[in-house]
């Protein structure tokens, strides 16, 4: 489906707003469309599926994977005290799971069939229209549109499957990898200390996240702050397909690199799996700055993605050797 767009942008000269520490990044997330020059990264438009059937060819389950952040457009409701609160929603992931059985079976969806939509490497990918126009949507409408397109694409993929592996190798490997926390530079510490001496109003005028990021800089510069934290990653083999899981909002270039270098023909990356440690940008995106790289939204050193990719590719190679 053509529903993925990179949300990090280079802007026209003189239009970059200050980041939380009062400095200028090279890119801006979800920027004013009048200021846009070009996206700061690629997209991954591929929707992957793993279709599972019984030995009598009865549809049993389907795992789909799409590198798209949640769509949103979820309405707010008023509580008894008059306060407006956001509704909880499974977004297009849940709607896909609801409609996919009908794509498989029409008006008679297969009994006990389970469809899962998983979140791919979409930390910098969303569904906003940056350079065109889209008619206004009613609540949940865009969620349904995206889910329907994804389900149609998954259905077409299933129809193209010619052979099913009746004795697939199923195996899982997992590792805990110690990732090093970021250490704020002296310049950042001086800026944070100065900002925290200002009033809340003054900080908000710089950036709505100034207080949060400045506090994180002070926290991470404390000598008692942990040096590392273990994170769990997994590699799963299902026949000649593979799944890797990472407990981050993973930027798209990481997913594309793993797909390219994986020894398997098809590799799905499931983000925010077994935990949520914030954003995981690759080193080149760290250098550009932007929301996904700010301390607090991203907490580990810039080359952490390289370390995780190295481990995941080693695990995939080990799984590929299984006979």
C-alpha atoms as a PDB file:
ATOM      1  CA  UNK A   1       0.000   0.000   0.000  1.00  0.00           C
ATOM      2  CA  UNK A   2       1.136   3.558  -0.704  1.00  0.00           C
ATOM      3  CA  UNK A   3       0.413   4.780   2.815  1.00  0.00           C
ATOM      4  CA  UNK A   4       3.946   5.310   4.137  1.00  0.00           C
ATOM      5  CA  UNK A   5       5.801   8.633   4.216  1.00  0.00           C
ATOM      6  CA  UNK A   6       8.995   9.665   5.933  1.00  0.00           C
ATOM      7  CA  UNK A   7       8.169  12.314   8.524  1.00  0.00           C
ATOM      8  CA  UNK A   8      11.689  13.757   9.011  1.00  0.00           C
ATOM      9  CA  UNK A   9      12.393  16.674   6.670  1.00  0.00           C
ATOM     10  CA  UNK A  10      15.101  19.068   5.633  1.00  0.00           C
ATOM     11  CA  UNK A  11      13.677  22.590   5.684  1.00  0.00           C
ATOM     12  CA  UNK A  12      14.168  25.803   3.759  1.00  0.00           C
ATOM     13  CA  UNK A  13      16.905  28.108   5.099  1.00  0.00           C
ATOM     14  CA  UNK A  14      15.803  30.147   8.081  1.00  0.00           C
ATOM     15  CA  UNK A  15      12.749  28.023   8.918  1.00  0.00           C
ATOM     16  CA  UNK A  16      14.234  25.476  11.353  1.00  0.00           C
ATOM     17  CA  UNK A  17      12.825  26.061  14.862  1.00  0.00           C
ATOM     18  CA  UNK A  18      15.029  25.546  17.933  1.00  0.00           C
ATOM     19  CA  UNK A  19      15.304  22.106  19.471  1.00  0.00           C
ATOM     20  CA  UNK A  20      14.686  21.652  23.224  1.00  0.00           C
ATOM     21  CA  UNK A  21      18.178  22.876  24.129  1.00  0.00           C
ATOM     22  CA  UNK A  22      17.756  25.984  21.996  1.00  0.00           C
ATOM     23  CA  UNK A  23      20.024  24.797  19.177  1.00  0.00           C
ATOM     24  CA  UNK A  24      19.153  24.084  15.541  1.00  0.00           C
ATOM     25  CA  UNK A  25      18.829  20.544  14.214  1.00  0.00           C
ATOM     26  CA  UNK A  26      19.316  19.731  10.540  1.00  0.00           C
ATOM     27  CA  UNK A  27      15.891  18.074  10.203  1.00  0.00           C
ATOM     28  CA  UNK A  28      12.411  18.511  11.661  1.00  0.00           C
ATOM     29  CA  UNK A  29       9.745  15.900  12.375  1.00  0.00           C
ATOM     30  CA  UNK A  30       6.236  16.645  11.024  1.00  0.00           C
ATOM     31  CA  UNK A  31       7.254  20.119   9.874  1.00  0.00           C
ATOM     32  CA  UNK A  32       5.157  22.915   8.397  1.00  0.00           C
ATOM     33  CA  UNK A  33       4.512  21.904   4.786  1.00  0.00           C
ATOM     34  CA  UNK A  34       5.409  25.402   3.561  1.00  0.00           C
ATOM     35  CA  UNK A  35       8.960  24.900   4.848  1.00  0.00           C
ATOM     36  CA  UNK A  36       9.697  21.469   3.356  1.00  0.00           C
ATOM     37  CA  UNK A  37      12.627  20.726   1.040  1.00  0.00           C
ATOM     38  CA  UNK A  38      13.059  16.930   1.011  1.00  0.00           C
ATOM     39  CA  UNK A  39      12.655  13.917   3.317  1.00  0.00           C
ATOM     40  CA  UNK A  40      15.646  13.000   5.464  1.00  0.00           C
ATOM     41  CA  UNK A  41      15.285   9.276   4.833  1.00  0.00           C
ATOM     42  CA  UNK A  42      13.631   6.545   2.746  1.00  0.00           C
ATOM     43  CA  UNK A  43      10.442   4.534   3.198  1.00  0.00           C
ATOM     44  CA  UNK A  44       9.742   0.803   3.132  1.00  0.00           C
ATOM     45  CA  UNK A  45       6.461   0.281   1.231  1.00  0.00           C
ATOM     46  CA  UNK A  46       6.617  -3.523   1.401  1.00  0.00           C
ATOM     47  CA  UNK A  47       3.881  -5.396   3.247  1.00  0.00           C
ATOM     48  CA  UNK A  48       5.034  -8.910   4.156  1.00  0.00           C
ATOM     49  CA  UNK A  49       2.838 -11.853   5.147  1.00  0.00           C
ATOM     50  CA  UNK A  50       3.345 -15.308   6.566  1.00  0.00           C
ATOM     51  CA  UNK A  51       0.262 -17.449   5.887  1.00  0.00           C
ATOM     52  CA  UNK A  52      -0.334 -20.521   8.044  1.00  0.00           C
ATOM     53  CA  UNK A  53      -2.703 -23.369   7.116  1.00  0.00           C
ATOM     54  CA  UNK A  54      -3.626 -26.758   8.494  1.00  0.00           C
ATOM     55  CA  UNK A  55      -2.548 -29.925   6.679  1.00  0.00           C
ATOM     56  CA  UNK A  56      -6.033 -29.882   5.115  1.00  0.00           C
ATOM     57  CA  UNK A  57      -5.413 -26.385   3.730  1.00  0.00           C
ATOM     58  CA  UNK A  58      -7.731 -24.674   6.180  1.00  0.00           C
ATOM     59  CA  UNK A  59      -6.601 -21.072   6.880  1.00  0.00           C
ATOM     60  CA  UNK A  60      -5.286 -20.956  10.426  1.00  0.00           C
ATOM     61  CA  UNK A  61      -3.399 -17.682  10.885  1.00  0.00           C
ATOM     62  CA  UNK A  62      -1.714 -14.844   9.077  1.00  0.00           C
ATOM     63  CA  UNK A  63       1.097 -12.587  10.268  1.00  0.00           C
ATOM     64  CA  UNK A  64       1.454  -9.296   8.408  1.00  0.00           C
ATOM     65  CA  UNK A  65       4.150  -6.674   8.809  1.00  0.00           C
ATOM     66  CA  UNK A  66       4.079  -3.062   7.627  1.00  0.00           C
ATOM     67  CA  UNK A  67       6.492  -0.224   8.356  1.00  0.00           C
ATOM     68  CA  UNK A  68       3.873   2.351   9.323  1.00  0.00           C
ATOM     69  CA  UNK A  69       3.429   4.195  12.605  1.00  0.00           C
ATOM     70  CA  UNK A  70      -0.091   4.214  14.014  1.00  0.00           C
ATOM     71  CA  UNK A  71      -2.470   6.343  11.927  1.00  0.00           C
ATOM     72  CA  UNK A  72      -4.359   8.235  14.625  1.00  0.00           C
ATOM     73  CA  UNK A  73      -7.420  10.391  14.033  1.00  0.00           C
ATOM     74  CA  UNK A  74      -8.894   8.957  17.223  1.00  0.00           C
ATOM     75  CA  UNK A  75     -11.550  11.183  18.841  1.00  0.00           C
ATOM     76  CA  UNK A  76     -11.640  12.399  22.408  1.00  0.00           C
ATOM     77  CA  UNK A  77     -14.523  11.789  24.782  1.00  0.00           C
ATOM     78  CA  UNK A  78     -15.777  13.855  27.676  1.00  0.00           C
ATOM     79  CA  UNK A  79     -15.672  12.330  31.142  1.00  0.00           C
ATOM     80  CA  UNK A  80     -18.330  12.992  33.779  1.00  0.00           C
ATOM     81  CA  UNK A  81     -16.215  15.794  35.223  1.00  0.00           C
ATOM     82  CA  UNK A  82     -16.098  17.464  31.811  1.00  0.00           C
ATOM     83  CA  UNK A  83     -12.465  16.614  31.098  1.00  0.00           C
ATOM     84  CA  UNK A  84     -11.630  15.587  27.532  1.00  0.00           C
ATOM     85  CA  UNK A  85      -9.595  12.397  27.281  1.00  0.00           C
ATOM     86  CA  UNK A  86      -8.324  10.433  24.325  1.00  0.00           C
ATOM     87  CA  UNK A  87      -9.986   7.146  23.466  1.00  0.00           C
ATOM     88  CA  UNK A  88      -7.991   3.935  23.496  1.00  0.00           C
ATOM     89  CA  UNK A  89      -7.691   2.375  20.057  1.00  0.00           C
ATOM     90  CA  UNK A  90      -5.881  -0.533  18.412  1.00  0.00           C
ATOM     91  CA  UNK A  91      -5.630   1.731  15.341  1.00  0.00           C
ATOM     92  CA  UNK A  92      -5.133   0.121  11.924  1.00  0.00           C
ATOM     93  CA  UNK A  93      -3.490  -2.933  13.515  1.00  0.00           C
ATOM     94  CA  UNK A  94      -6.748  -3.886  15.229  1.00  0.00           C
ATOM     95  CA  UNK A  95      -8.917  -3.024  12.239  1.00  0.00           C
ATOM     96  CA  UNK A  96      -6.707  -5.176   9.994  1.00  0.00           C
ATOM     97  CA  UNK A  97      -7.166  -8.104  12.383  1.00  0.00           C
ATOM     98  CA  UNK A  98     -10.929  -7.590  12.238  1.00  0.00           C
ATOM     99  CA  UNK A  99     -11.316  -7.415   8.449  1.00  0.00           C
ATOM    100  CA  UNK A 100      -8.632  -9.879   7.312  1.00  0.00           C
ATOM    101  CA  UNK A 101     -10.695 -13.020   8.060  1.00  0.00           C
ATOM    102  CA  UNK A 102     -13.318 -11.697   5.618  1.00  0.00           C
ATOM    103  CA  UNK A 103     -10.661 -11.188   2.949  1.00  0.00           C
ATOM    104  CA  UNK A 104      -9.708 -14.834   3.374  1.00  0.00           C
ATOM    105  CA  UNK A 105     -13.215 -16.303   3.588  1.00  0.00           C
ATOM    106  CA  UNK A 106     -15.626 -13.668   2.315  1.00  0.00           C
ATOM    107  CA  UNK A 107     -18.927 -13.693   4.187  1.00  0.00           C
ATOM    108  CA  UNK A 108     -17.897 -17.005   5.785  1.00  0.00           C
ATOM    109  CA  UNK A 109     -14.583 -16.241   7.493  1.00  0.00           C
ATOM    110  CA  UNK A 110     -12.625 -19.326   8.572  1.00  0.00           C
ATOM    111  CA  UNK A 111     -13.448 -20.430  12.095  1.00  0.00           C
ATOM    112  CA  UNK A 112     -10.796 -19.608  14.727  1.00  0.00           C
ATOM    113  CA  UNK A 113      -8.647 -17.826  12.136  1.00  0.00           C
ATOM    114  CA  UNK A 114      -6.252 -15.280  13.656  1.00  0.00           C
ATOM    115  CA  UNK A 115      -4.796 -12.340  11.732  1.00  0.00           C
ATOM    116  CA  UNK A 116      -2.000 -10.231  13.201  1.00  0.00           C
ATOM    117  CA  UNK A 117      -0.656  -6.945  11.908  1.00  0.00           C
ATOM    118  CA  UNK A 118       2.764  -6.190  13.353  1.00  0.00           C
ATOM    119  CA  UNK A 119       4.590  -2.871  13.491  1.00  0.00           C
ATOM    120  CA  UNK A 120       7.626  -2.735  11.215  1.00  0.00           C
ATOM    121  CA  UNK A 121      10.558  -0.321  11.229  1.00  0.00           C
ATOM    122  CA  UNK A 122       8.417   2.805  11.292  1.00  0.00           C
ATOM    123  CA  UNK A 123       9.967   5.119  13.869  1.00  0.00           C
ATOM    124  CA  UNK A 124      10.256   7.864  11.247  1.00  0.00           C
ATOM    125  CA  UNK A 125       7.321   6.813   9.052  1.00  0.00           C
ATOM    126  CA  UNK A 126       3.731   7.961   9.303  1.00  0.00           C
ATOM    127  CA  UNK A 127       0.565   8.421   7.264  1.00  0.00           C
ATOM    128  CA  UNK A 128       0.429  12.216   7.041  1.00  0.00           C
ATOM    129  CA  UNK A 129       0.239  13.881   3.634  1.00  0.00           C
ATOM    130  CA  UNK A 130       3.121  16.354   3.493  1.00  0.00           C
ATOM    131  CA  UNK A 131       3.215  17.494  -0.134  1.00  0.00           C
ATOM    132  CA  UNK A 132      -0.354  17.008  -1.344  1.00  0.00           C
ATOM    133  CA  UNK A 133      -3.885  17.321  -0.044  1.00  0.00           C
ATOM    134  CA  UNK A 134      -6.275  14.846   1.499  1.00  0.00           C
ATOM    135  CA  UNK A 135      -9.925  15.458   2.265  1.00  0.00           C
ATOM    136  CA  UNK A 136     -10.801  15.730   5.965  1.00  0.00           C
ATOM    137  CA  UNK A 137     -11.666  12.440   7.634  1.00  0.00           C
ATOM    138  CA  UNK A 138     -14.273  11.469  10.193  1.00  0.00           C
ATOM    139  CA  UNK A 139     -13.051   9.783  13.406  1.00  0.00           C
ATOM    140  CA  UNK A 140     -11.476   6.381  12.672  1.00  0.00           C
ATOM    141  CA  UNK A 141     -12.022   6.816   8.906  1.00  0.00           C
ATOM    142  CA  UNK A 142      -8.339   6.909   7.973  1.00  0.00           C
ATOM    143  CA  UNK A 143      -7.698   3.940  10.258  1.00  0.00           C
ATOM    144  CA  UNK A 144     -10.265   1.959   8.276  1.00  0.00           C
ATOM    145  CA  UNK A 145      -8.872   3.126   4.930  1.00  0.00           C
ATOM    146  CA  UNK A 146      -5.308   2.082   5.770  1.00  0.00           C
ATOM    147  CA  UNK A 147      -6.422  -1.232   7.285  1.00  0.00           C
ATOM    148  CA  UNK A 148      -8.566  -2.016   4.240  1.00  0.00           C
ATOM    149  CA  UNK A 149      -5.708  -1.299   1.817  1.00  0.00           C
ATOM    150  CA  UNK A 150      -3.345  -3.398   3.915  1.00  0.00           C
ATOM    151  CA  UNK A 151      -5.845  -6.268   4.028  1.00  0.00           C
ATOM    152  CA  UNK A 152      -6.344  -6.097   0.253  1.00  0.00           C
ATOM    153  CA  UNK A 153      -2.582  -6.245  -0.271  1.00  0.00           C
ATOM    154  CA  UNK A 154      -2.230  -9.157   2.153  1.00  0.00           C
ATOM    155  CA  UNK A 155      -5.037 -11.015   0.372  1.00  0.00           C
ATOM    156  CA  UNK A 156      -3.332 -10.542  -3.003  1.00  0.00           C
ATOM    157  CA  UNK A 157      -0.068 -11.811  -1.514  1.00  0.00           C
ATOM    158  CA  UNK A 158      -1.790 -14.927  -0.172  1.00  0.00           C
ATOM    159  CA  UNK A 159      -3.388 -15.619  -3.568  1.00  0.00           C
ATOM    160  CA  UNK A 160       0.095 -15.654  -5.134  1.00  0.00           C
ATOM    161  CA  UNK A 161       1.391 -18.381  -2.805  1.00  0.00           C
ATOM    162  CA  UNK A 162       1.913 -21.524  -4.895  1.00  0.00           C
ATOM    163  CA  UNK A 163       3.328 -23.960  -2.341  1.00  0.00           C
ATOM    164  CA  UNK A 164       3.183 -24.325   1.428  1.00  0.00           C
ATOM    165  CA  UNK A 165       5.970 -25.926   3.454  1.00  0.00           C
ATOM    166  CA  UNK A 166       4.331 -28.878   5.231  1.00  0.00           C
ATOM    167  CA  UNK A 167       7.306 -29.454   7.545  1.00  0.00           C
ATOM    168  CA  UNK A 168       8.807 -26.024   8.166  1.00  0.00           C
ATOM    169  CA  UNK A 169      11.766 -25.577  10.459  1.00  0.00           C
ATOM    170  CA  UNK A 170      10.595 -23.506  13.411  1.00  0.00           C
ATOM    171  CA  UNK A 171      13.292 -22.170  15.721  1.00  0.00           C
ATOM    172  CA  UNK A 172      13.933 -19.167  17.945  1.00  0.00           C
ATOM    173  CA  UNK A 173      17.114 -17.529  19.187  1.00  0.00           C
ATOM    174  CA  UNK A 174      17.283 -14.644  21.597  1.00  0.00           C
ATOM    175  CA  UNK A 175      20.004 -12.571  23.211  1.00  0.00           C
ATOM    176  CA  UNK A 176      20.312  -9.908  25.820  1.00  0.00           C
ATOM    177  CA  UNK A 177      22.556  -7.149  24.516  1.00  0.00           C
ATOM    178  CA  UNK A 178      24.022  -4.534  26.846  1.00  0.00           C
ATOM    179  CA  UNK A 179      23.539  -1.167  25.206  1.00  0.00           C
ATOM    180  CA  UNK A 180      25.541   1.851  26.420  1.00  0.00           C
ATOM    181  CA  UNK A 181      23.587   4.877  27.574  1.00  0.00           C
ATOM    182  CA  UNK A 182      24.304   8.232  25.995  1.00  0.00           C
ATOM    183  CA  UNK A 183      26.614  10.601  27.829  1.00  0.00           C
ATOM    184  CA  UNK A 184      25.670  14.278  27.372  1.00  0.00           C
ATOM    185  CA  UNK A 185      28.425  16.535  26.073  1.00  0.00           C
ATOM    186  CA  UNK A 186      29.692  19.320  28.326  1.00  0.00           C
ATOM    187  CA  UNK A 187      27.998  21.838  26.015  1.00  0.00           C
ATOM    188  CA  UNK A 188      24.646  20.098  26.496  1.00  0.00           C
ATOM    189  CA  UNK A 189      25.044  20.051  30.281  1.00  0.00           C
ATOM    190  CA  UNK A 190      25.789  23.791  30.377  1.00  0.00           C
ATOM    191  CA  UNK A 191      22.776  24.502  28.157  1.00  0.00           C
ATOM    192  CA  UNK A 192      20.483  22.291  30.251  1.00  0.00           C
ATOM    193  CA  UNK A 193      21.571  23.887  33.525  1.00  0.00           C
ATOM    194  CA  UNK A 194      20.932  27.349  32.105  1.00  0.00           C
ATOM    195  CA  UNK A 195      17.524  26.396  30.745  1.00  0.00           C
ATOM    196  CA  UNK A 196      16.370  24.898  34.039  1.00  0.00           C
ATOM    197  CA  UNK A 197      17.078  28.238  35.717  1.00  0.00           C
ATOM    198  CA  UNK A 198      14.523  29.892  33.439  1.00  0.00           C
ATOM    199  CA  UNK A 199      10.803  29.996  34.150  1.00  0.00           C
ATOM    200  CA  UNK A 200       8.514  27.291  32.817  1.00  0.00           C
ATOM    201  CA  UNK A 201       6.968  29.845  30.463  1.00  0.00           C
ATOM    202  CA  UNK A 202      10.370  30.798  29.045  1.00  0.00           C
ATOM    203  CA  UNK A 203      11.298  27.148  28.490  1.00  0.00           C
ATOM    204  CA  UNK A 204       8.021  26.416  26.709  1.00  0.00           C
ATOM    205  CA  UNK A 205       8.617  29.363  24.397  1.00  0.00           C
ATOM    206  CA  UNK A 206      11.846  27.695  23.242  1.00  0.00           C
ATOM    207  CA  UNK A 207      10.334  24.241  22.750  1.00  0.00           C
ATOM    208  CA  UNK A 208       7.505  22.361  24.433  1.00  0.00           C
ATOM    209  CA  UNK A 209       9.961  19.596  25.337  1.00  0.00           C
ATOM    210  CA  UNK A 210      12.704  21.824  26.721  1.00  0.00           C
ATOM    211  CA  UNK A 211      11.981  21.017  30.370  1.00  0.00           C
ATOM    212  CA  UNK A 212      11.820  17.268  29.738  1.00  0.00           C
ATOM    213  CA  UNK A 213      15.005  17.095  27.650  1.00  0.00           C
ATOM    214  CA  UNK A 214      16.974  19.406  29.963  1.00  0.00           C
ATOM    215  CA  UNK A 215      16.063  17.212  32.928  1.00  0.00           C
ATOM    216  CA  UNK A 216      17.162  14.125  30.981  1.00  0.00           C
ATOM    217  CA  UNK A 217      20.523  15.738  30.221  1.00  0.00           C
ATOM    218  CA  UNK A 218      21.123  16.365  33.924  1.00  0.00           C
ATOM    219  CA  UNK A 219      19.941  12.850  34.812  1.00  0.00           C
ATOM    220  CA  UNK A 220      22.189  11.147  32.245  1.00  0.00           C
ATOM    221  CA  UNK A 221      25.209  13.258  33.214  1.00  0.00           C
ATOM    222  CA  UNK A 222      24.986  12.085  36.828  1.00  0.00           C
ATOM    223  CA  UNK A 223      28.000   9.844  37.643  1.00  0.00           C
ATOM    224  CA  UNK A 224      25.614   7.404  39.332  1.00  0.00           C
ATOM    225  CA  UNK A 225      23.542   6.906  36.185  1.00  0.00           C
ATOM    226  CA  UNK A 226      23.875   3.327  34.840  1.00  0.00           C
ATOM    227  CA  UNK A 227      26.424   2.794  32.083  1.00  0.00           C
ATOM    228  CA  UNK A 228      24.419   0.186  30.180  1.00  0.00           C
ATOM    229  CA  UNK A 229      21.075  -1.582  30.073  1.00  0.00           C
ATOM    230  CA  UNK A 230      20.324  -5.066  28.720  1.00  0.00           C
ATOM    231  CA  UNK A 231      17.721  -5.278  25.960  1.00  0.00           C
ATOM    232  CA  UNK A 232      16.192  -8.457  24.578  1.00  0.00           C
ATOM    233  CA  UNK A 233      16.274  -9.169  20.846  1.00  0.00           C
ATOM    234  CA  UNK A 234      15.010 -12.244  19.010  1.00  0.00           C
ATOM    235  CA  UNK A 235      15.399 -13.991  15.676  1.00  0.00           C
ATOM    236  CA  UNK A 236      12.734 -16.478  14.619  1.00  0.00           C
ATOM    237  CA  UNK A 237      12.771 -18.897  11.717  1.00  0.00           C
ATOM    238  CA  UNK A 238       9.526 -20.188  10.199  1.00  0.00           C
ATOM    239  CA  UNK A 239      10.441 -22.305   7.214  1.00  0.00           C
ATOM    240  CA  UNK A 240      12.361 -20.102   4.798  1.00  0.00           C
ATOM    241  CA  UNK A 241      11.062 -16.890   6.332  1.00  0.00           C
ATOM    242  CA  UNK A 242      12.466 -15.051   9.327  1.00  0.00           C
ATOM    243  CA  UNK A 243      11.278 -12.576  11.924  1.00  0.00           C
ATOM    244  CA  UNK A 244      13.467 -10.343  14.050  1.00  0.00           C
ATOM    245  CA  UNK A 245      12.189  -8.427  17.051  1.00  0.00           C
ATOM    246  CA  UNK A 246      13.589  -5.251  18.587  1.00  0.00           C
ATOM    247  CA  UNK A 247      12.148  -3.442  21.658  1.00  0.00           C
ATOM    248  CA  UNK A 248      12.356   0.034  20.097  1.00  0.00           C
ATOM    249  CA  UNK A 249      10.567   2.323  17.704  1.00  0.00           C
ATOM    250  CA  UNK A 250      12.997   1.460  14.933  1.00  0.00           C
ATOM    251  CA  UNK A 251      13.788   3.939  12.166  1.00  0.00           C
ATOM    252  CA  UNK A 252      13.172   2.611   8.683  1.00  0.00           C
ATOM    253  CA  UNK A 253      16.794   2.448   7.460  1.00  0.00           C
ATOM    254  CA  UNK A 254      17.553  -0.167  10.117  1.00  0.00           C
ATOM    255  CA  UNK A 255      14.749  -2.396   8.879  1.00  0.00           C
ATOM    256  CA  UNK A 256      15.860  -1.999   5.275  1.00  0.00           C
ATOM    257  CA  UNK A 257      19.450  -2.908   6.164  1.00  0.00           C
ATOM    258  CA  UNK A 258      18.400  -6.063   8.000  1.00  0.00           C
ATOM    259  CA  UNK A 259      16.161  -7.130   5.107  1.00  0.00           C
ATOM    260  CA  UNK A 260      18.988  -6.560   2.629  1.00  0.00           C
ATOM    261  CA  UNK A 261      21.641  -8.436   4.616  1.00  0.00           C
ATOM    262  CA  UNK A 262      19.488 -11.267   5.990  1.00  0.00           C
ATOM    263  CA  UNK A 263      20.299 -14.749   4.645  1.00  0.00           C
ATOM    264  CA  UNK A 264      16.549 -15.405   4.349  1.00  0.00           C
ATOM    265  CA  UNK A 265      14.507 -14.499   1.287  1.00  0.00           C
ATOM    266  CA  UNK A 266      11.957 -12.675   3.442  1.00  0.00           C
ATOM    267  CA  UNK A 267      12.664 -11.122   6.831  1.00  0.00           C
ATOM    268  CA  UNK A 268      10.122  -9.242   8.913  1.00  0.00           C
ATOM    269  CA  UNK A 269      11.190  -6.789  11.602  1.00  0.00           C
ATOM    270  CA  UNK A 270       8.754  -6.379  14.480  1.00  0.00           C
ATOM    271  CA  UNK A 271       9.349  -3.206  16.452  1.00  0.00           C
ATOM    272  CA  UNK A 272       8.332  -2.490  20.058  1.00  0.00           C
ATOM    273  CA  UNK A 273       8.585  -6.220  20.764  1.00  0.00           C
ATOM    274  CA  UNK A 274       9.237  -7.399  24.340  1.00  0.00           C
ATOM    275  CA  UNK A 275       9.662  -3.838  25.564  1.00  0.00           C
ATOM    276  CA  UNK A 276       9.756  -0.184  24.658  1.00  0.00           C
ATOM    277  CA  UNK A 277      13.037   1.708  25.004  1.00  0.00           C
ATOM    278  CA  UNK A 278      12.164   4.720  22.884  1.00  0.00           C
ATOM    279  CA  UNK A 279      13.455   5.475  19.403  1.00  0.00           C
ATOM    280  CA  UNK A 280      16.353   3.686  17.719  1.00  0.00           C
ATOM    281  CA  UNK A 281      17.878   5.879  14.986  1.00  0.00           C
ATOM    282  CA  UNK A 282      20.885   4.785  12.910  1.00  0.00           C
ATOM    283  CA  UNK A 283      24.096   6.819  13.339  1.00  0.00           C
ATOM    284  CA  UNK A 284      23.526   8.979  10.243  1.00  0.00           C
ATOM    285  CA  UNK A 285      20.121  10.085  11.535  1.00  0.00           C
ATOM    286  CA  UNK A 286      21.568  10.839  14.969  1.00  0.00           C
ATOM    287  CA  UNK A 287      23.878  13.336  13.274  1.00  0.00           C
ATOM    288  CA  UNK A 288      20.912  15.149  11.728  1.00  0.00           C
ATOM    289  CA  UNK A 289      19.107  15.604  15.038  1.00  0.00           C
ATOM    290  CA  UNK A 290      15.330  15.869  15.211  1.00  0.00           C
ATOM    291  CA  UNK A 291      12.711  14.584  17.642  1.00  0.00           C
ATOM    292  CA  UNK A 292      13.627  10.903  17.339  1.00  0.00           C
ATOM    293  CA  UNK A 293      17.214  11.645  18.439  1.00  0.00           C
ATOM    294  CA  UNK A 294      16.559  13.913  21.425  1.00  0.00           C
ATOM    295  CA  UNK A 295      17.697  12.594  24.780  1.00  0.00           C
ATOM    296  CA  UNK A 296      14.648  11.071  26.401  1.00  0.00           C
ATOM    297  CA  UNK A 297      13.018   9.901  23.186  1.00  0.00           C
ATOM    298  CA  UNK A 298      16.339   8.180  22.384  1.00  0.00           C
ATOM    299  CA  UNK A 299      18.477   7.053  25.297  1.00  0.00           C
ATOM    300  CA  UNK A 300      21.341   4.935  23.955  1.00  0.00           C
ATOM    301  CA  UNK A 301      24.551   5.849  22.171  1.00  0.00           C
ATOM    302  CA  UNK A 302      24.339   6.562  18.417  1.00  0.00           C
ATOM    303  CA  UNK A 303      25.964   3.307  17.268  1.00  0.00           C
ATOM    304  CA  UNK A 304      23.581   1.111  19.277  1.00  0.00           C
ATOM    305  CA  UNK A 305      21.641   0.207  16.142  1.00  0.00           C
ATOM    306  CA  UNK A 306      24.832  -1.122  14.523  1.00  0.00           C
ATOM    307  CA  UNK A 307      25.421  -3.358  17.533  1.00  0.00           C
ATOM    308  CA  UNK A 308      21.883  -4.758  17.430  1.00  0.00           C
ATOM    309  CA  UNK A 309      22.050  -5.332  13.672  1.00  0.00           C
ATOM    310  CA  UNK A 310      25.323  -7.229  14.112  1.00  0.00           C
ATOM    311  CA  UNK A 311      23.784  -9.545  16.717  1.00  0.00           C
ATOM    312  CA  UNK A 312      20.577 -10.086  14.745  1.00  0.00           C
ATOM    313  CA  UNK A 313      22.441 -10.986  11.553  1.00  0.00           C
ATOM    314  CA  UNK A 314      24.592 -13.462  13.488  1.00  0.00           C
ATOM    315  CA  UNK A 315      21.450 -15.073  14.889  1.00  0.00           C
ATOM    316  CA  UNK A 316      19.835 -15.214  11.445  1.00  0.00           C
ATOM    317  CA  UNK A 317      22.939 -16.899  10.015  1.00  0.00           C
ATOM    318  CA  UNK A 318      22.790 -19.509  12.787  1.00  0.00           C
ATOM    319  CA  UNK A 319      19.098 -20.144  12.102  1.00  0.00           C
ATOM    320  CA  UNK A 320      19.734 -20.462   8.371  1.00  0.00           C
ATOM    321  CA  UNK A 321      22.220 -23.290   9.006  1.00  0.00           C
ATOM    322  CA  UNK A 322      19.558 -25.471  10.649  1.00  0.00           C
ATOM    323  CA  UNK A 323      18.534 -28.494   8.592  1.00  0.00           C
END
